[in-house]
Amino acid sequence: MRMGIPLTDEDRMPWFESLRDAIKEYLNNKKGLILGCSALKKEYREILRSGDLSYKWGTYASAVNFILLDAPAEVLSVRVNKRAAEGKHYMPASLLQSQLDLLEIDESEGVLRVDATLRPQAIVNTILNMNQFQGCFNVDFVEPH
């Protein structure tokens, strides 16, 4: 991606499988885990959900939850361009549209949405206040970045 070439599903699979294995390990040890990744396709999220050994594919009933940090393409473009100019982003802004084109959100999946145009601490607070996460986090342990 750094060279402006989008990844293929074949490129992504080992990465998603390693994330799935990390999820499995944390769930088996009764620990929580927060991962930030671009699981743009439903298929990718299914792989990650399967880290929950009790998960049945296609049911979306899993201990694994997904949050979409939702922002308009124009906002994302400005952010990616700024980070790229600062040398802080792996992907050129020219690939942003290809990433957005991959995004598949089926409402039946229950993907939670948070307004990504909010300040970072407001995003964290929004997530902490979602019913699915009540009591899951030690608020003193969450640090704004």
Protein backbone atom coordinates (compact mmCIF):
# COMPACT_ATOMS: atom_id res chain seq x y z
CA MET A 1 0.00 0.00 0.00
CA ARG A 2 2.91 2.32 0.70
CA MET A 3 3.73 2.03 -3.02
CA GLY A 4 0.15 2.91 -4.00
CA ILE A 5 -0.91 -0.67 -4.76
CA PRO A 6 -4.02 -1.93 -2.91
CA LEU A 7 -3.74 -5.20 -1.02
CA THR A 8 -5.62 -8.23 -2.27
CA ASP A 9 -7.70 -10.57 -0.11
CA GLU A 10 -4.86 -13.06 -0.41
CA ASP A 11 -2.47 -10.44 1.00
CA ARG A 12 -4.80 -9.68 3.90
CA MET A 13 -5.72 -13.22 5.01
CA PRO A 14 -2.61 -14.06 7.07
CA TRP A 15 -3.01 -10.77 8.91
CA PHE A 16 -6.71 -11.39 9.69
CA GLU A 17 -5.93 -14.95 10.76
CA SER A 18 -3.27 -13.69 13.19
CA LEU A 19 -5.76 -11.14 14.59
CA ARG A 20 -8.36 -13.92 14.93
CA ASP A 21 -5.83 -16.01 16.83
CA ALA A 22 -5.08 -13.09 19.18
CA ILE A 23 -8.82 -12.67 19.81
CA LYS A 24 -9.13 -16.40 20.52
CA GLU A 25 -6.23 -16.27 22.99
CA TYR A 26 -7.67 -13.29 24.87
CA LEU A 27 -11.18 -14.77 25.02
CA ASN A 28 -9.83 -18.14 26.20
CA ASN A 29 -8.00 -16.30 29.01
CA LYS A 30 -11.16 -14.31 29.90
CA LYS A 31 -9.50 -11.02 28.98
CA GLY A 32 -10.77 -8.15 26.90
CA LEU A 33 -9.00 -6.83 23.87
CA ILE A 34 -9.39 -3.77 21.69
CA LEU A 35 -8.04 -4.01 18.14
CA GLY A 36 -7.96 -1.21 15.63
CA CYS A 37 -8.04 -2.47 12.07
CA SER A 38 -9.76 -1.92 8.77
CA ALA A 39 -12.01 -4.97 8.60
CA LEU A 40 -13.82 -3.42 5.67
CA LYS A 41 -15.57 -6.52 4.32
CA LYS A 42 -18.12 -8.66 6.09
CA GLU A 43 -15.90 -11.67 5.30
CA TYR A 44 -13.02 -10.10 7.25
CA ARG A 45 -15.25 -9.46 10.26
CA GLU A 46 -16.50 -13.06 10.09
CA ILE A 47 -12.90 -14.27 10.35
CA LEU A 48 -12.37 -12.07 13.40
CA ARG A 49 -15.67 -13.18 15.00
CA SER A 50 -14.51 -16.78 14.65
CA GLY A 51 -11.95 -16.05 17.35
CA ASP A 52 -14.95 -16.64 19.62
CA LEU A 53 -14.98 -20.45 19.62
CA SER A 54 -18.75 -20.51 20.21
CA TYR A 55 -19.41 -18.35 17.16
CA LYS A 56 -21.49 -19.78 14.32
CA TRP A 57 -20.71 -18.14 10.97
CA GLY A 58 -23.40 -15.83 9.64
CA THR A 59 -25.25 -15.39 12.95
CA TYR A 60 -23.35 -12.25 14.06
CA ALA A 61 -23.93 -13.34 17.68
CA SER A 62 -20.40 -13.17 19.06
CA ALA A 63 -18.35 -11.88 21.96
CA VAL A 64 -16.54 -9.85 19.29
CA ASN A 65 -18.02 -6.40 18.62
CA PHE A 66 -17.20 -3.94 15.85
CA ILE A 67 -17.26 -0.17 15.91
CA LEU A 68 -17.16 1.84 12.71
CA LEU A 69 -15.46 5.20 13.22
CA ASP A 70 -17.69 6.91 10.69
CA ALA A 71 -16.62 10.06 8.84
CA PRO A 72 -17.34 11.54 5.42
CA ALA A 73 -14.84 10.71 2.66
CA GLU A 74 -13.80 14.39 2.50
CA VAL A 75 -12.81 14.37 6.18
CA LEU A 76 -10.89 11.12 5.76
CA SER A 77 -9.09 12.50 2.72
CA VAL A 78 -7.93 15.60 4.60
CA ARG A 79 -6.70 13.43 7.49
CA VAL A 80 -4.83 10.96 5.28
CA ASN A 81 -3.20 13.77 3.27
CA LYS A 82 -2.12 15.52 6.48
CA ARG A 83 -0.66 12.34 7.97
CA ALA A 84 1.07 11.44 4.70
CA ALA A 85 2.62 14.92 4.50
CA GLU A 86 3.92 14.43 8.05
CA GLY A 87 5.31 11.00 7.15
CA LYS A 88 2.88 9.38 9.60
CA HIS A 89 0.74 7.30 7.25
CA TYR A 90 1.55 4.11 5.37
CA MET A 91 -0.98 4.64 2.61
CA PRO A 92 -1.16 7.40 0.01
CA ALA A 93 -4.45 9.30 -0.16
CA SER A 94 -4.86 8.00 -3.72
CA LEU A 95 -5.90 4.62 -2.24
CA LEU A 96 -8.58 6.03 0.05
CA GLN A 97 -11.39 5.59 -2.46
CA SER A 98 -10.42 1.96 -3.07
CA GLN A 99 -10.67 1.39 0.68
CA LEU A 100 -14.08 3.08 0.87
CA ASP A 101 -15.26 1.01 -2.10
CA LEU A 102 -14.47 -2.17 -0.13
CA LEU A 103 -16.52 -1.11 2.90
CA GLU A 104 -19.46 -3.48 3.39
CA ILE A 105 -21.77 -2.80 6.30
CA ASP A 106 -24.83 -4.99 6.62
CA GLU A 107 -27.12 -3.47 9.27
CA SER A 108 -27.98 -6.98 10.51
CA GLU A 109 -24.36 -7.38 11.66
CA GLY A 110 -24.90 -4.89 14.45
CA VAL A 111 -21.79 -2.88 13.67
CA LEU A 112 -21.82 0.08 16.04
CA ARG A 113 -21.20 3.52 14.56
CA VAL A 114 -19.41 6.42 16.20
CA ASP A 115 -19.01 9.85 14.68
CA ALA A 116 -15.30 10.05 13.90
CA THR A 117 -15.45 13.83 13.44
CA LEU A 118 -15.71 14.17 17.23
CA ARG A 119 -12.65 14.92 19.34
CA PRO A 120 -10.78 11.74 20.36
CA GLN A 121 -11.91 11.93 24.00
CA ALA A 122 -15.54 12.36 22.90
CA ILE A 123 -15.18 9.24 20.73
CA VAL A 124 -13.79 7.29 23.69
CA ASN A 125 -16.59 8.56 25.96
CA THR A 126 -19.22 7.61 23.37
CA ILE A 127 -17.86 4.07 23.21
CA LEU A 128 -17.57 3.76 26.99
CA ASN A 129 -21.23 4.75 27.31
CA MET A 130 -22.53 2.18 24.79
CA ASN A 131 -24.65 -0.53 26.41
CA GLN A 132 -22.46 -3.32 25.01
CA PHE A 133 -19.45 -2.01 26.92
CA GLN A 134 -20.94 -0.99 30.26
CA GLY A 135 -18.63 -2.24 32.99
CA CYS A 136 -16.06 -3.61 30.52
CA PHE A 137 -13.42 -0.95 31.01
CA ASN A 138 -11.65 0.56 33.97
CA VAL A 139 -12.21 4.20 33.04
CA ASP A 140 -9.10 5.24 34.98
CA PHE A 141 -7.11 3.05 32.60
CA VAL A 142 -8.29 4.72 29.38
CA GLU A 143 -5.89 7.39 28.20
CA PRO A 144 -6.84 9.95 25.56
CA HIS A 145 -4.42 10.29 22.65
